[in-house]
Amino acid sequence: MEPDTTTLNAEQVAQEQLDGWTFDTSGEADSIVARVDTGDFITGLALVNAIGAKAEEANHHPDIDLRYPYVEIRLTSHDAGGVTSRDIALAKVINGLAAESSL
């Protein structure tokens, strides 16, 4: 099954009501970005590992920046040149992982 390469605009992304995610047009391609405050490095590392496992399952890989005391996640579908339903789906999974960790 081919991945959906239909790109979404800022209004369409906003309709998804992704808590903590913003639409970013500053890069080579549109993306959605979230910053999760983790409080410490080891909690951030655990979140990054959990995101990595889910990203592998989905075969869709975010750009992740692990810092003390936060993790920044950027999602874009490089093959489509912007945000697609794959990014929305993974953002929802990431929000669930953060909620499970009480972040």
N, C-alpha and C. Protein backbone atom coordinates (compact mmCIF):
# COMPACT_ATOMS: atom_id res chain seq x y z
N MET A 1 0.85 -1.19 0.00
CA MET A 1 0.00 0.00 0.00
C MET A 1 0.89 1.24 0.00
N GLU A 2 0.64 2.12 -0.92
CA GLU A 2 1.41 3.36 -1.04
C GLU A 2 1.01 4.34 0.07
N PRO A 3 1.99 5.08 0.61
CA PRO A 3 1.66 6.07 1.62
C PRO A 3 0.89 7.23 1.02
N ASP A 4 0.05 7.85 1.84
CA ASP A 4 -0.72 9.02 1.41
C ASP A 4 0.23 10.20 1.31
N THR A 5 0.34 10.79 0.14
CA THR A 5 1.24 11.93 -0.06
C THR A 5 0.47 13.24 -0.26
N THR A 6 -0.80 13.26 0.11
CA THR A 6 -1.59 14.48 0.03
C THR A 6 -1.17 15.40 1.17
N THR A 7 -0.67 16.59 0.83
CA THR A 7 -0.21 17.50 1.89
C THR A 7 -1.39 18.29 2.46
N LEU A 8 -1.23 18.65 3.72
CA LEU A 8 -2.25 19.40 4.45
C LEU A 8 -1.75 20.82 4.70
N ASN A 9 -2.67 21.76 4.68
CA ASN A 9 -2.29 23.14 4.99
C ASN A 9 -2.51 23.41 6.48
N ALA A 10 -2.17 24.61 6.91
CA ALA A 10 -2.25 24.96 8.33
C ALA A 10 -3.67 24.83 8.87
N GLU A 11 -4.65 25.22 8.07
CA GLU A 11 -6.05 25.14 8.52
C GLU A 11 -6.48 23.68 8.70
N GLN A 12 -6.10 22.82 7.78
CA GLN A 12 -6.45 21.41 7.89
C GLN A 12 -5.78 20.77 9.10
N VAL A 13 -4.54 21.13 9.36
CA VAL A 13 -3.84 20.61 10.54
C VAL A 13 -4.52 21.12 11.81
N ALA A 14 -4.90 22.39 11.83
CA ALA A 14 -5.56 22.96 13.01
C ALA A 14 -6.86 22.23 13.33
N GLN A 15 -7.56 21.79 12.30
CA GLN A 15 -8.82 21.06 12.50
C GLN A 15 -8.60 19.73 13.24
N GLU A 16 -7.39 19.21 13.22
CA GLU A 16 -7.08 17.96 13.92
C GLU A 16 -6.94 18.17 15.43
N GLN A 17 -6.85 19.42 15.86
CA GLN A 17 -6.78 19.77 17.28
C GLN A 17 -5.69 18.97 18.01
N LEU A 18 -4.49 19.05 17.47
CA LEU A 18 -3.34 18.36 18.06
C LEU A 18 -2.78 19.21 19.20
N ASP A 19 -3.04 18.80 20.41
CA ASP A 19 -2.59 19.55 21.58
C ASP A 19 -1.06 19.63 21.61
N GLY A 20 -0.55 20.87 21.63
CA GLY A 20 0.88 21.09 21.76
C GLY A 20 1.64 21.16 20.45
N TRP A 21 0.99 20.96 19.32
CA TRP A 21 1.67 20.97 18.02
C TRP A 21 1.37 22.26 17.30
N THR A 22 2.39 22.80 16.61
CA THR A 22 2.21 24.00 15.81
C THR A 22 2.65 23.72 14.37
N PHE A 23 2.02 24.40 13.46
CA PHE A 23 2.34 24.29 12.04
C PHE A 23 3.51 25.22 11.76
N ASP A 24 4.55 24.71 11.12
CA ASP A 24 5.76 25.49 10.88
C ASP A 24 6.07 25.51 9.39
N THR A 25 6.23 26.71 8.85
CA THR A 25 6.53 26.88 7.43
C THR A 25 7.97 27.33 7.20
N SER A 26 8.80 27.32 8.24
CA SER A 26 10.13 27.92 8.13
C SER A 26 11.18 27.02 7.48
N GLY A 27 10.93 25.74 7.37
CA GLY A 27 11.94 24.83 6.82
C GLY A 27 11.79 24.62 5.33
N GLU A 28 12.50 23.61 4.84
CA GLU A 28 12.42 23.26 3.41
C GLU A 28 11.02 22.81 3.04
N ALA A 29 10.34 22.16 3.99
CA ALA A 29 8.96 21.71 3.78
C ALA A 29 8.16 22.06 5.03
N ASP A 30 6.86 22.27 4.87
CA ASP A 30 6.01 22.50 6.02
C ASP A 30 6.13 21.31 6.97
N SER A 31 5.98 21.59 8.27
CA SER A 31 6.07 20.55 9.27
C SER A 31 5.18 20.90 10.45
N ILE A 32 5.03 19.95 11.36
CA ILE A 32 4.39 20.23 12.64
C ILE A 32 5.43 19.96 13.72
N VAL A 33 5.40 20.80 14.75
CA VAL A 33 6.44 20.76 15.77
C VAL A 33 5.80 20.79 17.16
N ALA A 34 6.37 19.98 18.05
CA ALA A 34 5.93 20.00 19.45
C ALA A 34 7.16 20.00 20.34
N ARG A 35 7.02 20.63 21.47
CA ARG A 35 8.07 20.61 22.50
C ARG A 35 7.44 20.03 23.75
N VAL A 36 8.04 18.95 24.24
CA VAL A 36 7.54 18.28 25.44
C VAL A 36 8.54 18.54 26.57
N ASP A 37 8.09 19.21 27.61
CA ASP A 37 8.94 19.43 28.77
C ASP A 37 9.01 18.14 29.57
N THR A 38 10.22 17.63 29.74
CA THR A 38 10.42 16.34 30.41
C THR A 38 10.95 16.49 31.83
N GLY A 39 11.49 17.65 32.17
CA GLY A 39 11.99 17.88 33.51
C GLY A 39 13.42 17.45 33.73
N ASP A 40 13.82 16.38 33.04
CA ASP A 40 15.20 15.91 33.18
C ASP A 40 15.59 15.11 31.93
N PHE A 41 16.87 14.86 31.83
CA PHE A 41 17.40 14.20 30.64
C PHE A 41 16.93 12.75 30.52
N ILE A 42 16.94 11.99 31.60
CA ILE A 42 16.61 10.57 31.54
C ILE A 42 15.14 10.35 31.15
N THR A 43 14.26 11.22 31.60
CA THR A 43 12.85 11.13 31.20
C THR A 43 12.71 11.44 29.71
N GLY A 44 13.47 12.43 29.26
CA GLY A 44 13.47 12.76 27.84
C GLY A 44 13.98 11.61 26.99
N LEU A 45 15.04 10.97 27.47
CA LEU A 45 15.61 9.83 26.74
C LEU A 45 14.60 8.69 26.65
N ALA A 46 13.89 8.43 27.73
CA ALA A 46 12.87 7.38 27.71
C ALA A 46 11.77 7.71 26.70
N LEU A 47 11.37 8.98 26.65
CA LEU A 47 10.35 9.39 25.69
C LEU A 47 10.86 9.23 24.26
N VAL A 48 12.10 9.64 24.01
CA VAL A 48 12.68 9.49 22.67
C VAL A 48 12.71 8.02 22.26
N ASN A 49 13.09 7.15 23.18
CA ASN A 49 13.11 5.71 22.87
C ASN A 49 11.72 5.19 22.54
N ALA A 50 10.71 5.63 23.30
CA ALA A 50 9.34 5.21 23.03
C ALA A 50 8.86 5.73 21.68
N ILE A 51 9.18 6.98 21.37
CA ILE A 51 8.81 7.55 20.07
C ILE A 51 9.51 6.78 18.96
N GLY A 52 10.78 6.46 19.15
CA GLY A 52 11.54 5.72 18.15
C GLY A 52 10.91 4.37 17.83
N ALA A 53 10.46 3.67 18.86
CA ALA A 53 9.82 2.36 18.64
C ALA A 53 8.54 2.51 17.83
N LYS A 54 7.72 3.49 18.17
CA LYS A 54 6.46 3.71 17.43
C LYS A 54 6.73 4.20 16.01
N ALA A 55 7.75 5.01 15.84
CA ALA A 55 8.10 5.51 14.52
C ALA A 55 8.56 4.35 13.62
N GLU A 56 9.31 3.43 14.18
CA GLU A 56 9.74 2.26 13.41
C GLU A 56 8.53 1.42 12.98
N GLU A 57 7.59 1.22 13.90
CA GLU A 57 6.37 0.47 13.58
C GLU A 57 5.62 1.12 12.42
N ALA A 58 5.58 2.44 12.43
CA ALA A 58 4.84 3.20 11.41
C ALA A 58 5.68 3.43 10.15
N ASN A 59 6.97 3.11 10.20
CA ASN A 59 7.89 3.40 9.12
C ASN A 59 7.81 4.88 8.72
N HIS A 60 7.77 5.72 9.74
CA HIS A 60 7.68 7.17 9.54
C HIS A 60 8.49 7.82 10.66
N HIS A 61 9.54 8.52 10.32
CA HIS A 61 10.54 8.91 11.30
C HIS A 61 10.62 10.41 11.50
N PRO A 62 10.39 10.86 12.73
CA PRO A 62 10.45 12.29 13.03
C PRO A 62 11.89 12.75 13.24
N ASP A 63 12.07 14.05 13.19
CA ASP A 63 13.32 14.66 13.63
C ASP A 63 13.12 14.95 15.11
N ILE A 64 14.06 14.49 15.93
CA ILE A 64 13.94 14.63 17.38
C ILE A 64 15.18 15.32 17.92
N ASP A 65 14.96 16.30 18.78
CA ASP A 65 16.03 17.01 19.45
C ASP A 65 15.87 16.80 20.96
N LEU A 66 16.76 16.01 21.55
CA LEU A 66 16.73 15.73 22.98
C LEU A 66 17.63 16.72 23.70
N ARG A 67 17.04 17.45 24.61
CA ARG A 67 17.77 18.45 25.41
C ARG A 67 17.37 18.31 26.87
N TYR A 68 18.19 18.89 27.72
CA TYR A 68 17.79 19.03 29.11
C TYR A 68 17.08 20.36 29.22
N PRO A 69 15.86 20.43 29.60
CA PRO A 69 14.90 19.45 30.09
C PRO A 69 13.69 19.28 29.16
N TYR A 70 13.92 19.13 27.86
CA TYR A 70 12.79 18.96 26.94
C TYR A 70 13.19 18.12 25.74
N VAL A 71 12.16 17.71 25.00
CA VAL A 71 12.34 17.03 23.72
C VAL A 71 11.52 17.81 22.70
N GLU A 72 12.15 18.14 21.56
CA GLU A 72 11.42 18.79 20.47
C GLU A 72 11.27 17.78 19.35
N ILE A 73 10.06 17.67 18.84
CA ILE A 73 9.76 16.71 17.78
C ILE A 73 9.23 17.46 16.57
N ARG A 74 9.76 17.14 15.40
CA ARG A 74 9.33 17.76 14.15
C ARG A 74 8.89 16.64 13.21
N LEU A 75 7.70 16.77 12.67
CA LEU A 75 7.16 15.79 11.74
C LEU A 75 6.88 16.44 10.39
N THR A 76 7.33 15.79 9.34
CA THR A 76 7.02 16.16 7.97
C THR A 76 7.17 14.91 7.12
N SER A 77 6.44 14.85 6.04
CA SER A 77 6.58 13.74 5.10
C SER A 77 7.47 14.22 3.97
N HIS A 78 8.74 13.85 4.04
CA HIS A 78 9.72 14.34 3.07
C HIS A 78 9.35 13.97 1.63
N ASP A 79 8.78 12.77 1.46
CA ASP A 79 8.42 12.33 0.11
C ASP A 79 7.29 13.16 -0.49
N ALA A 80 6.47 13.78 0.38
CA ALA A 80 5.36 14.59 -0.08
C ALA A 80 5.68 16.08 -0.05
N GLY A 81 6.74 16.45 0.64
CA GLY A 81 7.11 17.85 0.73
C GLY A 81 6.25 18.66 1.67
N GLY A 82 5.70 18.02 2.69
CA GLY A 82 4.88 18.73 3.67
C GLY A 82 4.24 17.78 4.66
N VAL A 83 3.24 18.28 5.34
CA VAL A 83 2.53 17.52 6.36
C VAL A 83 1.44 16.68 5.70
N THR A 84 1.39 15.40 6.08
CA THR A 84 0.36 14.49 5.56
C THR A 84 -0.36 13.81 6.73
N SER A 85 -1.31 12.97 6.38
CA SER A 85 -2.04 12.23 7.41
C SER A 85 -1.11 11.33 8.23
N ARG A 86 0.01 10.92 7.66
CA ARG A 86 0.99 10.11 8.42
C ARG A 86 1.56 10.91 9.58
N ASP A 87 1.81 12.19 9.34
CA ASP A 87 2.33 13.05 10.41
C ASP A 87 1.29 13.26 11.50
N ILE A 88 0.06 13.46 11.09
CA ILE A 88 -1.03 13.64 12.06
C ILE A 88 -1.17 12.39 12.92
N ALA A 89 -1.16 11.22 12.29
CA ALA A 89 -1.30 9.96 13.03
C ALA A 89 -0.16 9.77 14.02
N LEU A 90 1.07 10.05 13.60
CA LEU A 90 2.21 9.86 14.51
C LEU A 90 2.19 10.92 15.62
N ALA A 91 1.76 12.12 15.32
CA ALA A 91 1.64 13.15 16.37
C ALA A 91 0.67 12.70 17.45
N LYS A 92 -0.43 12.08 17.05
CA LYS A 92 -1.40 11.59 18.04
C LYS A 92 -0.79 10.48 18.88
N VAL A 93 -0.01 9.61 18.28
CA VAL A 93 0.68 8.55 19.02
C VAL A 93 1.67 9.17 20.01
N ILE A 94 2.42 10.16 19.56
CA ILE A 94 3.40 10.82 20.42
C ILE A 94 2.70 11.52 21.59
N ASN A 95 1.58 12.17 21.33
CA ASN A 95 0.82 12.78 22.43
C ASN A 95 0.39 11.73 23.44
N GLY A 96 0.00 10.56 22.96
CA GLY A 96 -0.37 9.47 23.86
C GLY A 96 0.81 9.00 24.70
N LEU A 97 1.98 8.89 24.08
CA LEU A 97 3.17 8.48 24.82
C LEU A 97 3.53 9.51 25.90
N ALA A 98 3.43 10.78 25.55
CA ALA A 98 3.71 11.83 26.53
C ALA A 98 2.71 11.79 27.67
N ALA A 99 1.45 11.55 27.36
CA ALA A 99 0.42 11.47 28.40
C ALA A 99 0.66 10.27 29.32
N GLU A 100 1.06 9.15 28.74
CA GLU A 100 1.36 7.95 29.54
C GLU A 100 2.51 8.22 30.51
N SER A 101 3.41 9.10 30.12
CA SER A 101 4.56 9.45 30.97
C SER A 101 4.25 10.64 31.87
N SER A 102 3.00 11.09 31.85
CA SER A 102 2.54 12.25 32.64
C SER A 102 3.33 13.51 32.30
N LEU A 103 3.62 13.69 31.01
CA LEU A 103 4.36 14.88 30.56
C LEU A 103 3.44 15.87 29.89
